[in-house]
Amino acid sequence: MNAKEEFLRSVPLNEVKCAIVEYEPSLSWDEDEKHTAKLPCDFNDEDMAAFLKSLDFEYNPGFGTQELYGTIWLKSGNWLDREEYDGAEWWAYRRSPDIPSELLAIHRTNS
């Protein structure tokens, strides 16, 4: 699987606020193969291009040890993070929970 292609398929680019993706290949002892791709907040087109270029590699998303880790923050306040179950990997969408009305109704007074 190509990490860049998976990212582009899984993530609406116009919603991205910032991101960090770490690659740790499971079948390699070579520390040089490990790397981290970072997309800063308030990124520009060049930052996005460099981030996507750093994700342009093949990895094994199938059954075995997890190889990609990370978090993608969205402008909406929601986010995606890497999930793994029984060796299979994917980006999981996380929705920020609604604030309970009883918390919104609390008013503090200065004492």
N, C-alpha and C. Protein backbone atom coordinates (compact mmCIF):
# COMPACT_ATOMS: atom_id res chain seq x y z
N MET A 1 0.85 -1.18 0.00
CA MET A 1 0.00 0.00 0.00
C MET A 1 0.89 1.23 0.00
N ASN A 2 0.51 2.24 -0.76
CA ASN A 2 1.23 3.50 -0.78
C ASN A 2 0.61 4.43 0.26
N ALA A 3 1.42 4.93 1.19
CA ALA A 3 0.92 5.75 2.29
C ALA A 3 0.31 7.06 1.80
N LYS A 4 0.90 7.65 0.77
CA LYS A 4 0.37 8.89 0.21
C LYS A 4 -1.01 8.66 -0.41
N GLU A 5 -1.13 7.62 -1.22
CA GLU A 5 -2.42 7.32 -1.86
C GLU A 5 -3.49 7.02 -0.82
N GLU A 6 -3.13 6.29 0.23
CA GLU A 6 -4.10 6.00 1.29
C GLU A 6 -4.54 7.29 1.99
N PHE A 7 -3.58 8.17 2.28
CA PHE A 7 -3.89 9.45 2.91
C PHE A 7 -4.86 10.25 2.05
N LEU A 8 -4.56 10.37 0.76
CA LEU A 8 -5.41 11.14 -0.14
C LEU A 8 -6.81 10.54 -0.28
N ARG A 9 -6.92 9.23 -0.20
CA ARG A 9 -8.22 8.56 -0.28
C ARG A 9 -9.01 8.71 1.01
N SER A 10 -8.34 8.78 2.14
CA SER A 10 -8.98 8.74 3.45
C SER A 10 -9.27 10.10 4.06
N VAL A 11 -8.59 11.13 3.59
CA VAL A 11 -8.63 12.43 4.27
C VAL A 11 -9.08 13.53 3.32
N PRO A 12 -10.12 14.29 3.69
CA PRO A 12 -10.50 15.44 2.86
C PRO A 12 -9.49 16.57 3.07
N LEU A 13 -8.65 16.84 2.07
CA LEU A 13 -7.54 17.79 2.22
C LEU A 13 -8.00 19.19 2.64
N ASN A 14 -9.17 19.61 2.19
CA ASN A 14 -9.65 20.94 2.56
C ASN A 14 -10.07 21.02 4.02
N GLU A 15 -10.12 19.89 4.71
CA GLU A 15 -10.50 19.85 6.13
C GLU A 15 -9.29 19.75 7.05
N VAL A 16 -8.10 19.48 6.49
CA VAL A 16 -6.92 19.22 7.32
C VAL A 16 -6.41 20.51 7.96
N LYS A 17 -6.18 20.44 9.27
CA LYS A 17 -5.58 21.55 10.01
C LYS A 17 -4.08 21.33 10.17
N CYS A 18 -3.68 20.12 10.54
CA CYS A 18 -2.27 19.74 10.67
C CYS A 18 -2.22 18.21 10.82
N ALA A 19 -1.02 17.65 10.75
CA ALA A 19 -0.91 16.19 10.81
C ALA A 19 0.50 15.76 11.18
N ILE A 20 0.57 14.57 11.74
CA ILE A 20 1.85 13.90 11.98
C ILE A 20 1.65 12.42 11.70
N VAL A 21 2.54 11.86 10.89
CA VAL A 21 2.47 10.44 10.53
C VAL A 21 3.86 9.84 10.72
N GLU A 22 3.93 8.77 11.50
CA GLU A 22 5.20 8.10 11.77
C GLU A 22 5.20 6.73 11.10
N TYR A 23 6.30 6.43 10.45
CA TYR A 23 6.48 5.14 9.77
C TYR A 23 7.55 4.35 10.49
N GLU A 24 7.18 3.16 10.94
CA GLU A 24 8.11 2.25 11.59
C GLU A 24 7.91 0.86 10.98
N PRO A 25 8.70 0.54 9.94
CA PRO A 25 8.52 -0.76 9.29
C PRO A 25 8.79 -1.92 10.24
N SER A 26 7.90 -2.89 10.19
CA SER A 26 7.98 -4.00 11.15
C SER A 26 9.06 -5.01 10.82
N LEU A 27 9.45 -5.12 9.58
CA LEU A 27 10.40 -6.15 9.19
C LEU A 27 11.79 -5.59 8.91
N SER A 28 12.10 -4.44 9.48
CA SER A 28 13.40 -3.83 9.23
C SER A 28 14.06 -3.44 10.54
N TRP A 29 15.34 -3.69 10.61
CA TRP A 29 16.13 -3.26 11.76
C TRP A 29 16.87 -1.97 11.43
N ASP A 30 16.72 -1.48 10.22
CA ASP A 30 17.42 -0.29 9.75
C ASP A 30 16.70 0.96 10.26
N GLU A 31 17.32 1.66 11.19
CA GLU A 31 16.74 2.87 11.77
C GLU A 31 16.52 3.95 10.72
N ASP A 32 17.28 3.92 9.62
CA ASP A 32 17.14 4.93 8.57
C ASP A 32 15.80 4.82 7.84
N GLU A 33 15.17 3.66 7.90
CA GLU A 33 13.88 3.49 7.23
C GLU A 33 12.74 4.15 8.01
N LYS A 34 12.93 4.35 9.31
CA LYS A 34 11.90 5.01 10.12
C LYS A 34 11.93 6.50 9.84
N HIS A 35 10.75 7.10 9.72
CA HIS A 35 10.71 8.55 9.58
C HIS A 35 9.35 9.10 9.99
N THR A 36 9.33 10.41 10.18
CA THR A 36 8.11 11.10 10.59
C THR A 36 7.80 12.20 9.59
N ALA A 37 6.56 12.23 9.12
CA ALA A 37 6.08 13.28 8.23
C ALA A 37 5.23 14.24 9.06
N LYS A 38 5.54 15.53 8.95
CA LYS A 38 4.81 16.54 9.74
C LYS A 38 4.24 17.61 8.82
N LEU A 39 2.97 17.94 9.07
CA LEU A 39 2.31 19.03 8.36
C LEU A 39 1.90 20.05 9.42
N PRO A 40 2.53 21.23 9.41
CA PRO A 40 2.27 22.21 10.47
C PRO A 40 0.90 22.88 10.33
N CYS A 41 0.43 23.44 11.42
CA CYS A 41 -0.77 24.28 11.36
C CYS A 41 -0.42 25.48 10.49
N ASP A 42 -1.42 26.05 9.84
CA ASP A 42 -1.22 27.19 8.93
C ASP A 42 -0.23 26.85 7.82
N PHE A 43 -0.30 25.61 7.33
CA PHE A 43 0.58 25.18 6.24
C PHE A 43 0.20 25.90 4.94
N ASN A 44 1.17 25.94 4.03
CA ASN A 44 0.92 26.50 2.70
C ASN A 44 1.00 25.35 1.67
N ASP A 45 0.84 25.69 0.40
CA ASP A 45 0.86 24.66 -0.65
C ASP A 45 2.19 23.91 -0.70
N GLU A 46 3.29 24.62 -0.48
CA GLU A 46 4.60 23.97 -0.48
C GLU A 46 4.73 22.98 0.68
N ASP A 47 4.22 23.36 1.86
CA ASP A 47 4.24 22.46 3.02
C ASP A 47 3.45 21.19 2.71
N MET A 48 2.26 21.35 2.11
CA MET A 48 1.43 20.19 1.79
C MET A 48 2.13 19.31 0.77
N ALA A 49 2.73 19.90 -0.24
CA ALA A 49 3.44 19.12 -1.26
C ALA A 49 4.59 18.34 -0.63
N ALA A 50 5.35 18.97 0.26
CA ALA A 50 6.47 18.29 0.93
C ALA A 50 5.95 17.17 1.83
N PHE A 51 4.85 17.42 2.53
CA PHE A 51 4.25 16.39 3.40
C PHE A 51 3.81 15.19 2.58
N LEU A 52 3.10 15.43 1.49
CA LEU A 52 2.64 14.33 0.64
C LEU A 52 3.81 13.58 0.02
N LYS A 53 4.85 14.30 -0.37
CA LYS A 53 6.04 13.65 -0.93
C LYS A 53 6.68 12.72 0.11
N SER A 54 6.69 13.16 1.38
CA SER A 54 7.29 12.33 2.43
C SER A 54 6.46 11.09 2.73
N LEU A 55 5.19 11.10 2.29
CA LEU A 55 4.33 9.92 2.46
C LEU A 55 4.34 9.01 1.25
N ASP A 56 5.09 9.34 0.24
CA ASP A 56 5.09 8.56 -1.00
C ASP A 56 6.03 7.36 -0.88
N PHE A 57 5.57 6.34 -0.15
CA PHE A 57 6.33 5.11 0.03
C PHE A 57 5.34 3.96 0.23
N GLU A 58 5.83 2.77 0.00
CA GLU A 58 5.02 1.56 0.18
C GLU A 58 5.21 1.02 1.59
N TYR A 59 4.14 0.52 2.17
CA TYR A 59 4.21 -0.14 3.48
C TYR A 59 3.22 -1.30 3.47
N ASN A 60 3.32 -2.15 4.46
CA ASN A 60 2.45 -3.32 4.55
C ASN A 60 1.33 -3.05 5.55
N PRO A 61 0.08 -2.78 5.06
CA PRO A 61 -1.03 -2.51 5.96
C PRO A 61 -1.78 -3.77 6.39
N GLY A 62 -1.30 -4.91 5.94
CA GLY A 62 -2.00 -6.16 6.18
C GLY A 62 -1.71 -6.75 7.53
N PHE A 63 -1.95 -8.00 7.63
CA PHE A 63 -1.81 -8.69 8.92
C PHE A 63 -0.35 -8.80 9.31
N GLY A 64 -0.06 -8.37 10.50
CA GLY A 64 1.30 -8.32 11.02
C GLY A 64 1.38 -7.18 12.01
N THR A 65 2.54 -6.61 12.17
CA THR A 65 2.74 -5.52 13.12
C THR A 65 2.37 -4.18 12.47
N GLN A 66 1.77 -3.28 13.24
CA GLN A 66 1.42 -1.96 12.75
C GLN A 66 2.68 -1.22 12.31
N GLU A 67 2.59 -0.50 11.18
CA GLU A 67 3.74 0.22 10.64
C GLU A 67 3.53 1.73 10.60
N LEU A 68 2.29 2.19 10.47
CA LEU A 68 2.01 3.63 10.44
C LEU A 68 1.28 4.04 11.72
N TYR A 69 1.69 5.17 12.26
CA TYR A 69 1.07 5.73 13.45
C TYR A 69 0.84 7.20 13.17
N GLY A 70 -0.08 7.82 13.85
CA GLY A 70 -0.22 9.25 13.67
C GLY A 70 -1.58 9.80 13.99
N THR A 71 -1.68 11.12 13.83
CA THR A 71 -2.92 11.84 14.06
C THR A 71 -3.04 12.92 13.00
N ILE A 72 -4.26 13.10 12.52
CA ILE A 72 -4.58 14.15 11.58
C ILE A 72 -5.67 15.00 12.23
N TRP A 73 -5.34 16.25 12.52
CA TRP A 73 -6.31 17.15 13.12
C TRP A 73 -7.09 17.85 12.02
N LEU A 74 -8.40 17.96 12.20
CA LEU A 74 -9.27 18.59 11.20
C LEU A 74 -9.74 19.96 11.69
N LYS A 75 -10.06 20.83 10.77
CA LYS A 75 -10.51 22.18 11.11
C LYS A 75 -11.78 22.17 11.95
N SER A 76 -12.57 21.13 11.83
CA SER A 76 -13.84 21.02 12.56
C SER A 76 -13.64 20.72 14.05
N GLY A 77 -12.42 20.39 14.45
CA GLY A 77 -12.18 19.97 15.83
C GLY A 77 -12.18 18.45 15.96
N ASN A 78 -12.56 17.75 14.91
CA ASN A 78 -12.49 16.30 14.90
C ASN A 78 -11.09 15.89 14.46
N TRP A 79 -10.82 14.60 14.44
CA TRP A 79 -9.49 14.13 14.05
C TRP A 79 -9.57 12.70 13.55
N LEU A 80 -8.46 12.27 12.93
CA LEU A 80 -8.29 10.88 12.52
C LEU A 80 -7.03 10.37 13.19
N ASP A 81 -7.06 9.12 13.59
CA ASP A 81 -5.83 8.50 14.08
C ASP A 81 -5.75 7.08 13.56
N ARG A 82 -4.58 6.50 13.70
CA ARG A 82 -4.36 5.16 13.17
C ARG A 82 -4.92 4.14 14.13
N GLU A 83 -5.62 3.19 13.56
CA GLU A 83 -6.13 2.06 14.32
C GLU A 83 -5.50 0.80 13.73
N GLU A 84 -5.43 -0.19 14.56
CA GLU A 84 -4.91 -1.49 14.15
C GLU A 84 -5.69 -2.55 14.90
N TYR A 85 -6.11 -3.57 14.17
CA TYR A 85 -6.75 -4.71 14.81
C TYR A 85 -6.29 -5.96 14.10
N ASP A 86 -5.74 -6.86 14.85
CA ASP A 86 -5.31 -8.14 14.32
C ASP A 86 -4.38 -7.96 13.11
N GLY A 87 -3.58 -6.88 13.17
CA GLY A 87 -2.59 -6.65 12.13
C GLY A 87 -3.04 -5.76 11.00
N ALA A 88 -4.34 -5.53 10.83
CA ALA A 88 -4.83 -4.66 9.75
C ALA A 88 -4.85 -3.21 10.25
N GLU A 89 -4.49 -2.25 9.38
CA GLU A 89 -4.39 -0.84 9.75
C GLU A 89 -5.34 0.03 8.92
N TRP A 90 -5.77 1.16 9.50
CA TRP A 90 -6.60 2.12 8.79
C TRP A 90 -6.64 3.44 9.56
N TRP A 91 -7.11 4.52 8.88
CA TRP A 91 -7.35 5.81 9.52
C TRP A 91 -8.75 5.79 10.09
N ALA A 92 -8.90 6.04 11.37
CA ALA A 92 -10.21 6.04 12.04
C ALA A 92 -10.64 7.47 12.33
N TYR A 93 -11.85 7.82 11.91
CA TYR A 93 -12.40 9.16 12.13
C TYR A 93 -12.91 9.26 13.56
N ARG A 94 -12.52 10.32 14.24
CA ARG A 94 -12.96 10.57 15.62
C ARG A 94 -13.73 11.88 15.66
N ARG A 95 -14.93 11.80 16.14
CA ARG A 95 -15.77 12.99 16.25
C ARG A 95 -15.69 13.49 17.68
N SER A 96 -15.46 14.78 17.83
CA SER A 96 -15.45 15.35 19.17
C SER A 96 -16.84 15.18 19.77
N PRO A 97 -16.91 14.70 21.00
CA PRO A 97 -18.23 14.49 21.60
C PRO A 97 -18.92 15.82 21.87
N ASP A 98 -20.25 15.80 21.80
CA ASP A 98 -21.02 16.99 22.15
C ASP A 98 -20.87 17.26 23.64
N ILE A 99 -20.86 18.52 24.00
CA ILE A 99 -20.78 18.89 25.42
C ILE A 99 -22.17 18.71 26.01
N PRO A 100 -22.29 17.98 27.12
CA PRO A 100 -23.61 17.77 27.74
C PRO A 100 -24.24 19.10 28.15
N SER A 101 -25.53 19.19 28.00
CA SER A 101 -26.23 20.44 28.29
C SER A 101 -26.04 20.90 29.74
N GLU A 102 -25.90 19.94 30.66
CA GLU A 102 -25.71 20.34 32.06
C GLU A 102 -24.38 21.04 32.28
N LEU A 103 -23.40 20.78 31.41
CA LEU A 103 -22.13 21.50 31.52
C LEU A 103 -22.22 22.88 30.87
N LEU A 104 -23.00 22.97 29.81
CA LEU A 104 -23.18 24.26 29.15
C LEU A 104 -23.99 25.22 30.02
N ALA A 105 -24.84 24.67 30.88
CA ALA A 105 -25.72 25.49 31.71
C ALA A 105 -25.06 25.98 32.99
N ILE A 106 -23.86 25.52 33.27
CA ILE A 106 -23.19 25.92 34.51
C ILE A 106 -22.65 27.34 34.38
N HIS A 107 -23.01 28.19 35.31
CA HIS A 107 -22.50 29.56 35.36
C HIS A 107 -21.76 29.72 36.66
N ARG A 108 -20.55 30.18 36.57
CA ARG A 108 -19.75 30.39 37.77
C ARG A 108 -19.83 31.86 38.16
N THR A 109 -19.80 32.06 39.46
CA THR A 109 -19.73 33.42 39.96
C THR A 109 -18.42 33.60 40.68
N ASN A 110 -17.87 34.77 40.63
CA ASN A 110 -16.63 35.05 41.34
C ASN A 110 -16.92 35.13 42.83
N SER A 111 -16.15 34.42 43.61
CA SER A 111 -16.35 34.43 45.07
C SER A 111 -15.19 35.11 45.75
